[in-house]
């Protein structure tokens, strides 16, 4: 059983992932000020409802950014605390990688965009094979929104964290021939963070919690 946390974006979440059966439960939370105080209470409630005890959790997957400064601090601190108490490994998952996974493509190239500050965005490109991320084709970069037209190509799909914020601009570039992932798949989910961690978990991988550093939006 994998516990996954997303506190990197404006919609927080918790999810319980079975490495055989997939998503068992998921809870969406507001990132409004003060909600961090109740994160562990929400987690306990979710586990109680599902009849899952601490001993059932074998690994934690946590979004490590790019993302909100306060949110990432909260999520990573929670993951490290649970890891220490239960003696289980932690996997740090890129926010953009998890969003790319949500594209739900059998194959193709996915350009992921995530809001940074002002008119800047984080971008990265991933290759999808058999509904799984095969490789990262472009490392994460921070660019001005207008530079996106130089990166997006005809053979790409585009997805991000905020459809409402960017869809008008993206439609203005539609002559470039790329395709948009449907809006209901946009917005990072905690379950995607966990599903991205399953392969690493099965390979017995883990990250050194002392070395885990969140990727902040400065």
C-alpha atoms as a PDB file:
ATOM      1  CA  UNK A   1       0.000   0.000   0.000  1.00  0.00           C
ATOM      2  CA  UNK A   2       1.337   3.430  -0.990  1.00  0.00           C
ATOM      3  CA  UNK A   3       0.271   6.640   0.700  1.00  0.00           C
ATOM      4  CA  UNK A   4       0.595   9.597  -1.653  1.00  0.00           C
ATOM      5  CA  UNK A   5       0.556  13.304  -0.843  1.00  0.00           C
ATOM      6  CA  UNK A   6       0.163  16.365  -3.013  1.00  0.00           C
ATOM      7  CA  UNK A   7       0.561  19.749  -1.362  1.00  0.00           C
ATOM      8  CA  UNK A   8       2.497  21.309  -4.245  1.00  0.00           C
ATOM      9  CA  UNK A   9      -0.434  22.977  -6.014  1.00  0.00           C
ATOM     10  CA  UNK A  10      -3.541  24.947  -5.079  1.00  0.00           C
ATOM     11  CA  UNK A  11      -5.533  21.717  -4.713  1.00  0.00           C
ATOM     12  CA  UNK A  12      -4.040  19.433  -2.112  1.00  0.00           C
ATOM     13  CA  UNK A  13      -4.786  15.758  -1.897  1.00  0.00           C
ATOM     14  CA  UNK A  14      -4.222  12.438  -0.165  1.00  0.00           C
ATOM     15  CA  UNK A  15      -4.550   9.034  -1.793  1.00  0.00           C
ATOM     16  CA  UNK A  16      -4.153   5.371  -0.922  1.00  0.00           C
ATOM     17  CA  UNK A  17      -2.775   3.243  -3.750  1.00  0.00           C
ATOM     18  CA  UNK A  18      -2.654  -0.548  -3.843  1.00  0.00           C
ATOM     19  CA  UNK A  19       0.223  -1.800  -5.990  1.00  0.00           C
ATOM     20  CA  UNK A  20      -2.069  -4.469  -7.475  1.00  0.00           C
ATOM     21  CA  UNK A  21      -5.522  -2.871  -7.585  1.00  0.00           C
ATOM     22  CA  UNK A  22      -4.682   0.785  -8.086  1.00  0.00           C
ATOM     23  CA  UNK A  23      -6.479   3.710  -6.425  1.00  0.00           C
ATOM     24  CA  UNK A  24      -8.390   2.685  -3.305  1.00  0.00           C
ATOM     25  CA  UNK A  25      -9.320   6.132  -2.004  1.00  0.00           C
ATOM     26  CA  UNK A  26      -8.561   9.775  -2.674  1.00  0.00           C
ATOM     27  CA  UNK A  27      -9.341  12.963  -0.789  1.00  0.00           C
ATOM     28  CA  UNK A  28      -9.152  16.473  -2.256  1.00  0.00           C
ATOM     29  CA  UNK A  29      -8.368  19.421   0.013  1.00  0.00           C
ATOM     30  CA  UNK A  30      -8.235  23.172  -0.290  1.00  0.00           C
ATOM     31  CA  UNK A  31      -4.814  24.748   0.158  1.00  0.00           C
ATOM     32  CA  UNK A  32      -6.328  27.703   2.003  1.00  0.00           C
ATOM     33  CA  UNK A  33      -4.329  29.176   4.846  1.00  0.00           C
ATOM     34  CA  UNK A  34      -4.426  27.070   7.990  1.00  0.00           C
ATOM     35  CA  UNK A  35      -5.499  23.819   6.353  1.00  0.00           C
ATOM     36  CA  UNK A  36      -2.026  22.376   6.925  1.00  0.00           C
ATOM     37  CA  UNK A  37      -2.917  22.008  10.601  1.00  0.00           C
ATOM     38  CA  UNK A  38      -5.507  19.375   9.748  1.00  0.00           C
ATOM     39  CA  UNK A  39      -3.570  17.383   7.145  1.00  0.00           C
ATOM     40  CA  UNK A  40      -2.803  14.488   9.489  1.00  0.00           C
ATOM     41  CA  UNK A  41      -6.368  14.483  10.818  1.00  0.00           C
ATOM     42  CA  UNK A  42      -7.678  14.141   7.274  1.00  0.00           C
ATOM     43  CA  UNK A  43      -5.240  11.291   6.683  1.00  0.00           C
ATOM     44  CA  UNK A  44      -6.310   9.438   9.830  1.00  0.00           C
ATOM     45  CA  UNK A  45      -9.965   9.850   8.865  1.00  0.00           C
ATOM     46  CA  UNK A  46      -9.346   8.531   5.342  1.00  0.00           C
ATOM     47  CA  UNK A  47      -7.505   5.479   6.648  1.00  0.00           C
ATOM     48  CA  UNK A  48     -10.199   4.776   9.243  1.00  0.00           C
ATOM     49  CA  UNK A  49     -12.928   4.911   6.613  1.00  0.00           C
ATOM     50  CA  UNK A  50     -11.033   2.420   4.454  1.00  0.00           C
ATOM     51  CA  UNK A  51     -10.167   0.141   7.363  1.00  0.00           C
ATOM     52  CA  UNK A  52      -6.456   0.641   6.787  1.00  0.00           C
ATOM     53  CA  UNK A  53      -3.955   0.710   9.631  1.00  0.00           C
ATOM     54  CA  UNK A  54      -0.436   2.159   9.827  1.00  0.00           C
ATOM     55  CA  UNK A  55       1.106  -1.281   9.287  1.00  0.00           C
ATOM     56  CA  UNK A  56      -0.608  -1.498   5.888  1.00  0.00           C
ATOM     57  CA  UNK A  57       1.331   1.504   4.564  1.00  0.00           C
ATOM     58  CA  UNK A  58       4.594   0.328   2.997  1.00  0.00           C
ATOM     59  CA  UNK A  59       5.771   3.457   1.184  1.00  0.00           C
ATOM     60  CA  UNK A  60       5.065   7.178   0.825  1.00  0.00           C
ATOM     61  CA  UNK A  61       5.064   9.073  -2.474  1.00  0.00           C
ATOM     62  CA  UNK A  62       5.120  12.855  -2.174  1.00  0.00           C
ATOM     63  CA  UNK A  63       5.091  15.640  -4.763  1.00  0.00           C
ATOM     64  CA  UNK A  64       8.356  17.567  -4.414  1.00  0.00           C
ATOM     65  CA  UNK A  65       7.713  20.347  -6.909  1.00  0.00           C
ATOM     66  CA  UNK A  66       7.879  22.617  -8.669  1.00  0.00           C
ATOM     67  CA  UNK A  67       5.208  24.055  -6.456  1.00  0.00           C
ATOM     68  CA  UNK A  68       4.082  26.388  -3.714  1.00  0.00           C
ATOM     69  CA  UNK A  69       6.677  27.124  -1.019  1.00  0.00           C
ATOM     70  CA  UNK A  70       4.442  26.588   2.010  1.00  0.00           C
ATOM     71  CA  UNK A  71       2.633  23.610   0.537  1.00  0.00           C
ATOM     72  CA  UNK A  72       5.818  21.760  -0.337  1.00  0.00           C
ATOM     73  CA  UNK A  73       7.243  22.351   3.137  1.00  0.00           C
ATOM     74  CA  UNK A  74       4.081  20.920   4.692  1.00  0.00           C
ATOM     75  CA  UNK A  75       3.924  17.874   2.426  1.00  0.00           C
ATOM     76  CA  UNK A  76       7.570  16.966   2.703  1.00  0.00           C
ATOM     77  CA  UNK A  77       7.580  17.434   6.485  1.00  0.00           C
ATOM     78  CA  UNK A  78       4.529  15.173   6.773  1.00  0.00           C
ATOM     79  CA  UNK A  79       6.092  12.520   4.529  1.00  0.00           C
ATOM     80  CA  UNK A  80       9.353  12.558   6.472  1.00  0.00           C
ATOM     81  CA  UNK A  81       7.524  12.349   9.794  1.00  0.00           C
ATOM     82  CA  UNK A  82       5.409   9.383   8.719  1.00  0.00           C
ATOM     83  CA  UNK A  83       8.468   7.685   7.224  1.00  0.00           C
ATOM     84  CA  UNK A  84      10.372   8.079  10.481  1.00  0.00           C
ATOM     85  CA  UNK A  85       7.495   6.829  12.650  1.00  0.00           C
ATOM     86  CA  UNK A  86       6.647   3.804  10.495  1.00  0.00           C
ATOM     87  CA  UNK A  87      10.144   3.022   9.241  1.00  0.00           C
ATOM     88  CA  UNK A  88       9.082   3.052   5.586  1.00  0.00           C
ATOM     89  CA  UNK A  89      10.690   4.564   2.460  1.00  0.00           C
ATOM     90  CA  UNK A  90       9.783   7.856   0.802  1.00  0.00           C
ATOM     91  CA  UNK A  91       9.696   8.548  -2.932  1.00  0.00           C
ATOM     92  CA  UNK A  92       9.891  12.132  -4.179  1.00  0.00           C
ATOM     93  CA  UNK A  93       7.854  12.593  -7.371  1.00  0.00           C
ATOM     94  CA  UNK A  94       8.148  15.528  -9.763  1.00  0.00           C
ATOM     95  CA  UNK A  95       4.965  17.568 -10.001  1.00  0.00           C
ATOM     96  CA  UNK A  96       5.301  17.784 -13.786  1.00  0.00           C
ATOM     97  CA  UNK A  97       5.902  14.050 -14.158  1.00  0.00           C
ATOM     98  CA  UNK A  98       2.727  13.277 -12.215  1.00  0.00           C
ATOM     99  CA  UNK A  99       0.701  15.704 -14.341  1.00  0.00           C
ATOM    100  CA  UNK A 100       2.107  14.101 -17.511  1.00  0.00           C
ATOM    101  CA  UNK A 101       0.935  10.721 -16.240  1.00  0.00           C
ATOM    102  CA  UNK A 102      -2.600  12.109 -15.970  1.00  0.00           C
ATOM    103  CA  UNK A 103      -2.723  12.656 -19.740  1.00  0.00           C
ATOM    104  CA  UNK A 104      -3.858   9.017 -19.931  1.00  0.00           C
ATOM    105  CA  UNK A 105      -2.281   8.418 -23.344  1.00  0.00           C
ATOM    106  CA  UNK A 106      -1.376   5.037 -24.773  1.00  0.00           C
ATOM    107  CA  UNK A 107       1.618   6.681 -26.440  1.00  0.00           C
ATOM    108  CA  UNK A 108       2.887  10.086 -27.506  1.00  0.00           C
ATOM    109  CA  UNK A 109       4.761  13.174 -26.377  1.00  0.00           C
ATOM    110  CA  UNK A 110       3.298  15.308 -23.606  1.00  0.00           C
ATOM    111  CA  UNK A 111       4.262  18.901 -22.902  1.00  0.00           C
ATOM    112  CA  UNK A 112       3.444  19.813 -19.299  1.00  0.00           C
ATOM    113  CA  UNK A 113       2.986  23.403 -18.136  1.00  0.00           C
ATOM    114  CA  UNK A 114       2.765  24.642 -14.561  1.00  0.00           C
ATOM    115  CA  UNK A 115       2.256  28.214 -13.444  1.00  0.00           C
ATOM    116  CA  UNK A 116       5.260  29.897 -11.851  1.00  0.00           C
ATOM    117  CA  UNK A 117       5.260  33.636 -11.115  1.00  0.00           C
ATOM    118  CA  UNK A 118       3.674  36.427 -13.125  1.00  0.00           C
ATOM    119  CA  UNK A 119       3.810  35.366 -16.790  1.00  0.00           C
ATOM    120  CA  UNK A 120       6.304  32.559 -16.283  1.00  0.00           C
ATOM    121  CA  UNK A 121       5.657  28.832 -16.456  1.00  0.00           C
ATOM    122  CA  UNK A 122       7.549  25.637 -15.750  1.00  0.00           C
ATOM    123  CA  UNK A 123       7.656  23.252 -18.697  1.00  0.00           C
ATOM    124  CA  UNK A 124       8.904  19.761 -19.432  1.00  0.00           C
ATOM    125  CA  UNK A 125       8.290  17.130 -22.112  1.00  0.00           C
ATOM    126  CA  UNK A 126       7.699  13.430 -21.480  1.00  0.00           C
ATOM    127  CA  UNK A 127       7.390  10.399 -23.727  1.00  0.00           C
ATOM    128  CA  UNK A 128       4.477   8.079 -22.974  1.00  0.00           C
ATOM    129  CA  UNK A 129       4.519   4.392 -23.919  1.00  0.00           C
ATOM    130  CA  UNK A 130       1.714   1.998 -22.979  1.00  0.00           C
ATOM    131  CA  UNK A 131       0.118   4.576 -20.649  1.00  0.00           C
ATOM    132  CA  UNK A 132       3.366   4.934 -18.694  1.00  0.00           C
ATOM    133  CA  UNK A 133       6.097   7.558 -18.694  1.00  0.00           C
ATOM    134  CA  UNK A 134       8.966   6.122 -20.692  1.00  0.00           C
ATOM    135  CA  UNK A 135      11.408   9.030 -20.517  1.00  0.00           C
ATOM    136  CA  UNK A 136      11.812  12.746 -19.960  1.00  0.00           C
ATOM    137  CA  UNK A 137      12.628  14.386 -23.289  1.00  0.00           C
ATOM    138  CA  UNK A 138      13.286  17.872 -21.922  1.00  0.00           C
ATOM    139  CA  UNK A 139      14.403  18.795 -18.398  1.00  0.00           C
ATOM    140  CA  UNK A 140      12.241  21.153 -16.368  1.00  0.00           C
ATOM    141  CA  UNK A 141      12.691  24.764 -17.451  1.00  0.00           C
ATOM    142  CA  UNK A 142      11.177  28.049 -16.339  1.00  0.00           C
ATOM    143  CA  UNK A 143      10.215  30.226 -19.309  1.00  0.00           C
ATOM    144  CA  UNK A 144       8.033  33.205 -20.164  1.00  0.00           C
ATOM    145  CA  UNK A 145       4.593  32.135 -21.348  1.00  0.00           C
ATOM    146  CA  UNK A 146       5.199  33.671 -24.781  1.00  0.00           C
ATOM    147  CA  UNK A 147       8.200  31.369 -25.288  1.00  0.00           C
ATOM    148  CA  UNK A 148       5.869  28.385 -25.298  1.00  0.00           C
ATOM    149  CA  UNK A 149       5.281  28.798 -29.038  1.00  0.00           C
ATOM    150  CA  UNK A 150       8.953  27.973 -29.613  1.00  0.00           C
ATOM    151  CA  UNK A 151       8.682  24.674 -27.730  1.00  0.00           C
ATOM    152  CA  UNK A 152       5.316  23.176 -28.577  1.00  0.00           C
ATOM    153  CA  UNK A 153       5.282  20.998 -31.707  1.00  0.00           C
ATOM    154  CA  UNK A 154       2.677  19.441 -33.972  1.00  0.00           C
ATOM    155  CA  UNK A 155       3.138  15.933 -32.590  1.00  0.00           C
ATOM    156  CA  UNK A 156       2.600  16.949 -28.951  1.00  0.00           C
ATOM    157  CA  UNK A 157      -0.217  16.869 -26.459  1.00  0.00           C
ATOM    158  CA  UNK A 158      -0.409  19.643 -23.854  1.00  0.00           C
ATOM    159  CA  UNK A 159      -1.579  19.342 -20.253  1.00  0.00           C
ATOM    160  CA  UNK A 160      -1.039  21.386 -17.104  1.00  0.00           C
ATOM    161  CA  UNK A 161      -2.314  22.287 -13.687  1.00  0.00           C
ATOM    162  CA  UNK A 162      -4.660  25.154 -14.629  1.00  0.00           C
ATOM    163  CA  UNK A 163      -6.819  24.771 -17.731  1.00  0.00           C
ATOM    164  CA  UNK A 164      -8.830  27.880 -16.872  1.00  0.00           C
ATOM    165  CA  UNK A 165      -5.736  30.044 -16.710  1.00  0.00           C
ATOM    166  CA  UNK A 166      -4.094  28.987 -19.970  1.00  0.00           C
ATOM    167  CA  UNK A 167      -6.672  27.586 -22.370  1.00  0.00           C
ATOM    168  CA  UNK A 168      -7.352  30.884 -24.180  1.00  0.00           C
ATOM    169  CA  UNK A 169      -3.684  31.461 -24.904  1.00  0.00           C
ATOM    170  CA  UNK A 170      -3.209  27.853 -25.964  1.00  0.00           C
ATOM    171  CA  UNK A 171      -6.154  28.085 -28.351  1.00  0.00           C
ATOM    172  CA  UNK A 172      -4.490  31.141 -29.911  1.00  0.00           C
ATOM    173  CA  UNK A 173      -1.585  28.829 -30.799  1.00  0.00           C
ATOM    174  CA  UNK A 174      -3.790  26.070 -32.204  1.00  0.00           C
ATOM    175  CA  UNK A 175      -2.441  26.719 -35.716  1.00  0.00           C
ATOM    176  CA  UNK A 176       0.767  25.028 -34.536  1.00  0.00           C
ATOM    177  CA  UNK A 177      -1.090  21.725 -34.631  1.00  0.00           C
ATOM    178  CA  UNK A 178      -0.658  20.424 -31.081  1.00  0.00           C
ATOM    179  CA  UNK A 179      -3.580  18.929 -29.181  1.00  0.00           C
ATOM    180  CA  UNK A 180      -4.932  19.727 -25.731  1.00  0.00           C
ATOM    181  CA  UNK A 181      -5.623  17.018 -23.187  1.00  0.00           C
ATOM    182  CA  UNK A 182      -9.309  17.280 -22.088  1.00  0.00           C
ATOM    183  CA  UNK A 183      -9.828  19.796 -19.289  1.00  0.00           C
ATOM    184  CA  UNK A 184     -11.100  17.259 -16.723  1.00  0.00           C
ATOM    185  CA  UNK A 185      -7.649  15.621 -16.688  1.00  0.00           C
ATOM    186  CA  UNK A 186      -5.841  18.861 -15.808  1.00  0.00           C
ATOM    187  CA  UNK A 187      -4.893  19.673 -12.204  1.00  0.00           C
ATOM    188  CA  UNK A 188      -2.506  17.518 -10.203  1.00  0.00           C
ATOM    189  CA  UNK A 189      -4.020  14.645  -8.229  1.00  0.00           C
ATOM    190  CA  UNK A 190      -2.417  12.901  -5.276  1.00  0.00           C
ATOM    191  CA  UNK A 191      -3.338   9.556  -6.836  1.00  0.00           C
ATOM    192  CA  UNK A 192      -1.146  10.360  -9.852  1.00  0.00           C
ATOM    193  CA  UNK A 193       1.768  11.033  -7.524  1.00  0.00           C
ATOM    194  CA  UNK A 194       1.259   7.585  -6.012  1.00  0.00           C
ATOM    195  CA  UNK A 195       0.814   5.815  -9.334  1.00  0.00           C
ATOM    196  CA  UNK A 196       4.072   7.354 -10.566  1.00  0.00           C
ATOM    197  CA  UNK A 197       5.771   5.923  -7.501  1.00  0.00           C
ATOM    198  CA  UNK A 198       4.553   2.343  -7.943  1.00  0.00           C
ATOM    199  CA  UNK A 199       7.245   1.290 -10.429  1.00  0.00           C
ATOM    200  CA  UNK A 200       9.996   2.666  -8.214  1.00  0.00           C
ATOM    201  CA  UNK A 201       8.427   1.023  -5.173  1.00  0.00           C
ATOM    202  CA  UNK A 202       8.311  -2.360  -6.907  1.00  0.00           C
ATOM    203  CA  UNK A 203      11.978  -1.906  -7.830  1.00  0.00           C
ATOM    204  CA  UNK A 204      12.677  -1.332  -4.122  1.00  0.00           C
ATOM    205  CA  UNK A 205      13.838   2.224  -4.752  1.00  0.00           C
ATOM    206  CA  UNK A 206      13.699   4.989  -2.180  1.00  0.00           C
ATOM    207  CA  UNK A 207      15.049   8.488  -1.641  1.00  0.00           C
ATOM    208  CA  UNK A 208      17.241   9.558   1.232  1.00  0.00           C
ATOM    209  CA  UNK A 209      14.921  11.771   3.258  1.00  0.00           C
ATOM    210  CA  UNK A 210      17.880  13.772   4.543  1.00  0.00           C
ATOM    211  CA  UNK A 211      18.731  14.764   0.969  1.00  0.00           C
ATOM    212  CA  UNK A 212      15.190  15.408  -0.276  1.00  0.00           C
ATOM    213  CA  UNK A 213      14.824  19.068  -1.214  1.00  0.00           C
ATOM    214  CA  UNK A 214      11.580  20.535  -2.584  1.00  0.00           C
ATOM    215  CA  UNK A 215      11.573  22.458  -5.866  1.00  0.00           C
ATOM    216  CA  UNK A 216      10.051  25.769  -4.828  1.00  0.00           C
ATOM    217  CA  UNK A 217       8.409  28.433  -6.951  1.00  0.00           C
ATOM    218  CA  UNK A 218      10.483  31.388  -5.808  1.00  0.00           C
END
